[in-house]
Protein backbone atom coordinates (compact mmCIF):
# COMPACT_ATOMS: atom_id res chain seq x y z
CA UNK A 1 -8.50 30.93 -17.06
CA UNK A 2 -9.04 27.27 -16.26
CA UNK A 3 -9.22 25.72 -12.83
CA UNK A 4 -7.86 22.36 -13.99
CA UNK A 5 -4.74 21.59 -11.86
CA UNK A 6 -3.29 19.41 -14.62
CA UNK A 7 -3.58 22.07 -17.30
CA UNK A 8 -0.28 22.90 -18.93
CA UNK A 9 1.47 19.72 -17.79
CA UNK A 10 0.95 17.84 -21.02
CA UNK A 11 -1.40 15.37 -19.38
CA UNK A 12 -3.18 12.80 -21.49
CA UNK A 13 -6.57 11.21 -21.12
CA UNK A 14 -5.05 7.86 -20.16
CA UNK A 15 -6.15 6.42 -16.81
CA UNK A 16 -3.38 6.21 -14.27
CA UNK A 17 -2.97 3.69 -11.49
CA UNK A 18 -1.94 4.36 -7.89
CA UNK A 19 1.75 4.33 -8.86
CA UNK A 20 1.24 7.15 -11.36
CA UNK A 21 1.87 4.95 -14.39
CA UNK A 22 -0.72 3.87 -16.92
CA UNK A 23 -2.92 1.00 -15.79
CA UNK A 24 -2.41 -2.38 -17.46
CA UNK A 25 -6.05 -3.46 -17.15
CA UNK A 26 -6.99 -3.49 -20.83
CA UNK A 27 -4.00 -3.57 -23.19
CA UNK A 28 -4.65 -2.92 -26.88
CA UNK A 29 -2.76 -6.05 -27.91
CA UNK A 30 -2.22 -9.19 -25.84
CA UNK A 31 1.20 -9.47 -24.27
CA UNK A 32 3.46 -11.93 -26.06
CA UNK A 33 5.29 -14.69 -24.23
CA UNK A 34 8.63 -13.00 -24.97
CA UNK A 35 7.48 -9.69 -23.45
CA UNK A 36 6.15 -11.48 -20.39
CA UNK A 37 9.44 -13.35 -19.91
CA UNK A 38 11.46 -10.14 -20.26
CA UNK A 39 9.28 -8.40 -17.69
CA UNK A 40 9.56 -11.39 -15.34
CA UNK A 41 13.35 -11.56 -15.75
CA UNK A 42 13.63 -7.85 -14.96
CA UNK A 43 11.43 -8.28 -11.88
CA UNK A 44 13.48 -11.23 -10.62
CA UNK A 45 16.76 -9.34 -11.18
CA UNK A 46 15.45 -6.37 -9.21
CA UNK A 47 14.16 -8.66 -6.46
CA UNK A 48 17.56 -10.37 -6.14
CA UNK A 49 19.27 -6.97 -6.08
CA UNK A 50 16.93 -5.78 -3.30
CA UNK A 51 17.64 -8.92 -1.26
CA UNK A 52 21.40 -8.42 -1.66
CA UNK A 53 21.08 -4.81 -0.58
CA UNK A 54 19.06 -5.82 2.47
CA UNK A 55 21.67 -8.45 3.35
CA UNK A 56 24.41 -5.78 3.19
CA UNK A 57 22.44 -3.27 5.22
CA UNK A 58 21.34 -5.75 7.90
CA UNK A 59 24.21 -8.27 8.21
CA UNK A 60 23.22 -9.43 11.71
CA UNK A 61 19.71 -10.39 10.62
CA UNK A 62 21.12 -12.12 7.56
CA UNK A 63 23.54 -14.13 9.68
CA UNK A 64 20.76 -15.10 12.09
CA UNK A 65 18.55 -16.14 9.18
CA UNK A 66 21.33 -18.29 7.72
CA UNK A 67 21.95 -19.90 11.13
CA UNK A 68 18.24 -20.69 11.59
CA UNK A 69 18.02 -22.11 8.07
CA UNK A 70 21.11 -24.30 8.69
CA UNK A 71 19.61 -25.56 11.97
CA UNK A 72 16.34 -26.33 10.22
CA UNK A 73 18.18 -28.26 7.48
CA UNK A 74 20.13 -30.26 10.10
CA UNK A 75 16.88 -31.14 11.87
CA UNK A 76 15.56 -33.07 8.88
CA UNK A 77 18.75 -34.92 7.91
CA UNK A 78 18.71 -38.67 7.96
């Protein structure tokens, strides 16, 4: 019998980061510009989706933020 807690789970010898996924510290091949842009586009889509969700969940705060932003924009008008 082994005392390894990961035994039988199909674990690999890859290092894992704090999120549980493989670390991206030393990739085998450099990331191409296309891959980087795809990753960035996905991140920005998810960020926009999270902001929309927050705006739906907290409509009062969103309204207050919009009002403050409008007041700030009026302050600097010529």
